[in-house]
């Protein structure tokens, strides 16, 4: 096995280990666009434009991935989204 092949094998294994989770926000009939946008900016550090786009995707598609990353970093953010009244989960 050449050195080149060994490097490819290490990269492949690393890719499998580094799979991220996602925070999904779901549409509801309670929250206003402004509330969703403000919450995404505050909790997920979205830009105003990104938060607005996510709110529209949630509205028209029923859900949107708003953040990806390791579970332990997403958990506090998802908790804050839920505390703000949004429907969200980590998958």
C-alpha atoms as a PDB file:
ATOM      1  CA  UNK A   1       0.000   0.000   0.000  1.00  0.00           C
ATOM      2  CA  UNK A   2       1.474   3.357  -0.970  1.00  0.00           C
ATOM      3  CA  UNK A   3       1.669   6.415   1.305  1.00  0.00           C
ATOM      4  CA  UNK A   4      -0.991   8.119  -0.805  1.00  0.00           C
ATOM      5  CA  UNK A   5      -3.491   5.312  -0.124  1.00  0.00           C
ATOM      6  CA  UNK A   6      -2.817   5.423   3.625  1.00  0.00           C
ATOM      7  CA  UNK A   7      -3.600   9.153   3.720  1.00  0.00           C
ATOM      8  CA  UNK A   8      -6.903   8.605   1.910  1.00  0.00           C
ATOM      9  CA  UNK A   9      -7.893   5.953   4.420  1.00  0.00           C
ATOM     10  CA  UNK A  10      -7.264   8.300   7.365  1.00  0.00           C
ATOM     11  CA  UNK A  11      -9.323  11.073   5.762  1.00  0.00           C
ATOM     12  CA  UNK A  12     -12.236   8.726   5.115  1.00  0.00           C
ATOM     13  CA  UNK A  13     -12.326   7.589   8.743  1.00  0.00           C
ATOM     14  CA  UNK A  14     -12.116  11.176   9.985  1.00  0.00           C
ATOM     15  CA  UNK A  15     -15.061  12.189   7.788  1.00  0.00           C
ATOM     16  CA  UNK A  16     -17.224   9.443   9.271  1.00  0.00           C
ATOM     17  CA  UNK A  17     -16.401  10.510  12.841  1.00  0.00           C
ATOM     18  CA  UNK A  18     -17.132  14.204  12.263  1.00  0.00           C
ATOM     19  CA  UNK A  19     -20.821  13.952  11.287  1.00  0.00           C
ATOM     20  CA  UNK A  20     -22.717  16.973  12.642  1.00  0.00           C
ATOM     21  CA  UNK A  21     -26.167  17.205  14.126  1.00  0.00           C
ATOM     22  CA  UNK A  22     -28.763  19.775  13.050  1.00  0.00           C
ATOM     23  CA  UNK A  23     -31.208  22.041  14.841  1.00  0.00           C
ATOM     24  CA  UNK A  24     -34.494  21.955  12.958  1.00  0.00           C
ATOM     25  CA  UNK A  25     -37.093  24.683  13.552  1.00  0.00           C
ATOM     26  CA  UNK A  26     -40.693  23.816  12.677  1.00  0.00           C
ATOM     27  CA  UNK A  27     -43.552  26.022  11.565  1.00  0.00           C
ATOM     28  CA  UNK A  28     -46.307  26.878  14.026  1.00  0.00           C
ATOM     29  CA  UNK A  29     -49.346  29.142  14.174  1.00  0.00           C
ATOM     30  CA  UNK A  30     -48.146  31.024  17.253  1.00  0.00           C
ATOM     31  CA  UNK A  31     -44.883  32.861  16.565  1.00  0.00           C
ATOM     32  CA  UNK A  32     -44.590  35.928  14.365  1.00  0.00           C
ATOM     33  CA  UNK A  33     -41.945  36.320  11.693  1.00  0.00           C
ATOM     34  CA  UNK A  34     -40.344  39.084  13.753  1.00  0.00           C
ATOM     35  CA  UNK A  35     -40.109  36.880  16.849  1.00  0.00           C
ATOM     36  CA  UNK A  36     -38.570  33.985  14.893  1.00  0.00           C
ATOM     37  CA  UNK A  37     -36.084  36.297  13.164  1.00  0.00           C
ATOM     38  CA  UNK A  38     -35.065  38.051  16.403  1.00  0.00           C
ATOM     39  CA  UNK A  39     -34.667  34.719  18.175  1.00  0.00           C
ATOM     40  CA  UNK A  40     -32.503  33.211  15.424  1.00  0.00           C
ATOM     41  CA  UNK A  41     -30.284  36.300  15.465  1.00  0.00           C
ATOM     42  CA  UNK A  42     -29.928  36.198  19.258  1.00  0.00           C
ATOM     43  CA  UNK A  43     -29.609  32.453  19.801  1.00  0.00           C
ATOM     44  CA  UNK A  44     -27.982  31.152  16.612  1.00  0.00           C
ATOM     45  CA  UNK A  45     -25.920  34.244  15.736  1.00  0.00           C
ATOM     46  CA  UNK A  46     -27.611  34.534  12.344  1.00  0.00           C
ATOM     47  CA  UNK A  47     -27.344  37.691  10.290  1.00  0.00           C
ATOM     48  CA  UNK A  48     -30.655  39.499   9.791  1.00  0.00           C
ATOM     49  CA  UNK A  49     -30.795  38.265   6.202  1.00  0.00           C
ATOM     50  CA  UNK A  50     -30.037  34.652   7.156  1.00  0.00           C
ATOM     51  CA  UNK A  51     -32.658  34.694   9.924  1.00  0.00           C
ATOM     52  CA  UNK A  52     -35.264  36.140   7.570  1.00  0.00           C
ATOM     53  CA  UNK A  53     -34.518  33.499   4.933  1.00  0.00           C
ATOM     54  CA  UNK A  54     -34.796  30.726   7.528  1.00  0.00           C
ATOM     55  CA  UNK A  55     -38.127  32.096   8.761  1.00  0.00           C
ATOM     56  CA  UNK A  56     -39.486  32.061   5.203  1.00  0.00           C
ATOM     57  CA  UNK A  57     -38.257  28.495   4.629  1.00  0.00           C
ATOM     58  CA  UNK A  58     -39.934  27.435   7.893  1.00  0.00           C
ATOM     59  CA  UNK A  59     -43.160  29.153   6.849  1.00  0.00           C
ATOM     60  CA  UNK A  60     -43.335  27.700   3.330  1.00  0.00           C
ATOM     61  CA  UNK A  61     -41.693  24.286   3.833  1.00  0.00           C
ATOM     62  CA  UNK A  62     -42.789  23.569   7.390  1.00  0.00           C
ATOM     63  CA  UNK A  63     -39.248  23.287   8.730  1.00  0.00           C
ATOM     64  CA  UNK A  64     -35.678  24.490   8.255  1.00  0.00           C
ATOM     65  CA  UNK A  65     -32.225  23.505   9.468  1.00  0.00           C
ATOM     66  CA  UNK A  66     -31.008  26.601  11.306  1.00  0.00           C
ATOM     67  CA  UNK A  67     -27.724  25.348  12.760  1.00  0.00           C
ATOM     68  CA  UNK A  68     -25.356  22.400  12.380  1.00  0.00           C
ATOM     69  CA  UNK A  69     -22.587  21.215  14.657  1.00  0.00           C
ATOM     70  CA  UNK A  70     -21.707  18.807  17.439  1.00  0.00           C
ATOM     71  CA  UNK A  71     -24.576  17.868  19.744  1.00  0.00           C
ATOM     72  CA  UNK A  72     -22.985  19.365  22.870  1.00  0.00           C
ATOM     73  CA  UNK A  73     -22.770  22.812  21.198  1.00  0.00           C
ATOM     74  CA  UNK A  74     -26.286  22.653  19.727  1.00  0.00           C
ATOM     75  CA  UNK A  75     -28.048  21.527  22.916  1.00  0.00           C
ATOM     76  CA  UNK A  76     -27.908  24.907  24.733  1.00  0.00           C
ATOM     77  CA  UNK A  77     -28.996  26.743  21.583  1.00  0.00           C
ATOM     78  CA  UNK A  78     -31.927  24.387  21.010  1.00  0.00           C
ATOM     79  CA  UNK A  79     -32.954  24.817  24.643  1.00  0.00           C
ATOM     80  CA  UNK A  80     -32.987  28.616  24.207  1.00  0.00           C
ATOM     81  CA  UNK A  81     -35.083  28.297  21.034  1.00  0.00           C
ATOM     82  CA  UNK A  82     -37.583  26.136  22.918  1.00  0.00           C
ATOM     83  CA  UNK A  83     -37.628  28.570  25.859  1.00  0.00           C
ATOM     84  CA  UNK A  84     -38.434  31.354  23.374  1.00  0.00           C
ATOM     85  CA  UNK A  85     -41.478  29.375  22.258  1.00  0.00           C
ATOM     86  CA  UNK A  86     -40.169  28.036  18.940  1.00  0.00           C
ATOM     87  CA  UNK A  87     -40.726  24.420  17.929  1.00  0.00           C
ATOM     88  CA  UNK A  88     -37.262  22.903  17.494  1.00  0.00           C
ATOM     89  CA  UNK A  89     -35.322  19.688  17.856  1.00  0.00           C
ATOM     90  CA  UNK A  90     -31.845  18.315  17.294  1.00  0.00           C
ATOM     91  CA  UNK A  91     -31.470  15.479  14.813  1.00  0.00           C
END
